[in-house]
Protein backbone atom coordinates (compact mmCIF):
# COMPACT_ATOMS: atom_id res chain seq x y z
CA MET A 1 -63.42 47.81 47.32
CA ILE A 2 -60.44 47.94 49.50
CA LEU A 3 -60.92 51.81 50.00
CA VAL A 4 -64.62 51.08 50.84
CA ALA A 5 -63.54 48.78 53.72
CA ALA A 6 -60.74 50.61 55.08
CA LEU A 7 -62.96 54.03 55.62
CA ALA A 8 -65.79 52.16 56.86
CA PRO A 9 -65.70 53.64 60.19
CA TRP A 10 -66.31 57.23 58.65
CA PHE A 11 -69.18 56.17 56.39
CA ALA A 12 -71.16 54.03 58.99
CA PRO A 13 -70.45 55.67 62.46
CA PHE A 14 -72.62 53.06 64.35
CA SER A 15 -70.75 49.94 65.97
CA PRO A 16 -71.95 46.74 64.52
CA SER A 17 -73.34 45.35 67.69
CA GLU A 18 -74.98 48.25 68.74
CA GLN A 19 -78.85 47.93 68.87
CA PHE A 20 -81.70 50.48 68.39
CA SER A 21 -84.84 48.77 69.52
CA ALA A 22 -86.76 51.61 68.41
CA TYR A 23 -85.73 50.80 64.90
CA VAL A 24 -86.43 46.88 64.38
CA LEU A 25 -86.55 45.77 60.95
CA LYS A 26 -86.77 49.46 59.55
CA GLY A 27 -86.40 50.13 56.00
CA PRO A 28 -83.83 52.22 54.08
CA GLY A 29 -83.41 55.81 55.84
CA ALA A 30 -85.01 54.95 59.15
CA GLY A 31 -84.86 57.66 61.65
CA GLY A 32 -82.71 59.48 59.35
CA GLN A 33 -79.81 57.79 60.38
CA HIS A 34 -79.50 54.15 59.07
CA VAL A 35 -78.86 54.33 55.41
CA LEU A 36 -79.84 50.67 54.59
CA GLY A 37 -82.18 50.25 57.34
CA THR A 38 -81.90 47.70 60.51
CA ASP A 39 -82.13 44.06 60.77
CA GLU A 40 -84.43 42.25 63.19
CA PHE A 41 -82.29 43.23 66.43
CA GLY A 42 -82.22 46.84 65.31
CA ARG A 43 -78.66 46.99 64.03
CA ASP A 44 -77.34 49.07 61.46
CA LEU A 45 -77.18 47.12 58.02
CA LEU A 46 -74.67 49.56 56.34
CA ARG A 47 -72.17 48.79 59.47
CA SER A 48 -72.56 45.24 59.21
CA ASP A 49 -72.00 45.24 55.23
CA TYR A 50 -68.64 47.08 55.58
CA LEU A 51 -67.62 44.80 58.20
CA GLY A 52 -68.18 41.85 55.86
CA ARG A 53 -66.26 43.51 53.27
CA ALA A 54 -63.42 43.86 55.48
CA GLY A 55 -63.48 40.19 56.39
CA LEU A 56 -63.76 39.33 52.82
CA ILE A 57 -60.71 41.30 51.77
CA ALA A 58 -58.58 39.91 54.46
CA SER A 59 -59.44 36.17 53.76
CA ARG A 60 -58.84 36.60 50.07
CA SER A 61 -55.55 38.36 50.84
CA CYS A 62 -54.56 35.42 53.21
CA SER A 63 -55.63 32.73 50.61
CA ARG A 64 -53.48 34.43 47.66
CA ARG A 65 -50.42 34.70 49.79
CA SER A 66 -50.63 30.88 51.00
CA GLY A 67 -51.18 29.99 47.51
CA LEU A 68 -48.39 31.82 46.34
CA CYS A 69 -46.07 30.19 49.02
CA ALA A 70 -47.48 26.79 48.10
CA GLY A 71 -46.61 27.16 44.31
CA CYS A 72 -43.16 28.47 44.92
CA ALA A 73 -42.46 25.80 47.25
CA VAL A 74 -43.56 23.23 44.54
CA ARG A 75 -41.74 25.14 41.81
CA ASP A 76 -38.48 25.01 43.93
CA TYR A 77 -38.84 21.42 44.76
CA GLY A 78 -39.35 20.83 41.07
CA GLY A 79 -36.17 22.28 40.23
CA ILE A 80 -33.98 20.86 43.06
CA SER A 81 -35.28 17.29 42.21
CA GLY A 82 -34.91 17.95 38.57
CA ARG A 83 -38.33 16.87 37.42
């Protein structure tokens, strides 16, 4: 999943905010360019999916690190106080 998110610019060449008015709400393969189709604004769904995955990976990493820091702090406090 991390590899897919890192390589997203090469798999989905369109900008996530780029709109294609001729391809509004088209299904997969619309115009031979949009693999997963387009949404109600004509944006490429594949690029939106990859962008969402990248955000998910970043938030997971952040929450794991903060949990690790909090756990270490509690462990150290327990060791110092003798509890």
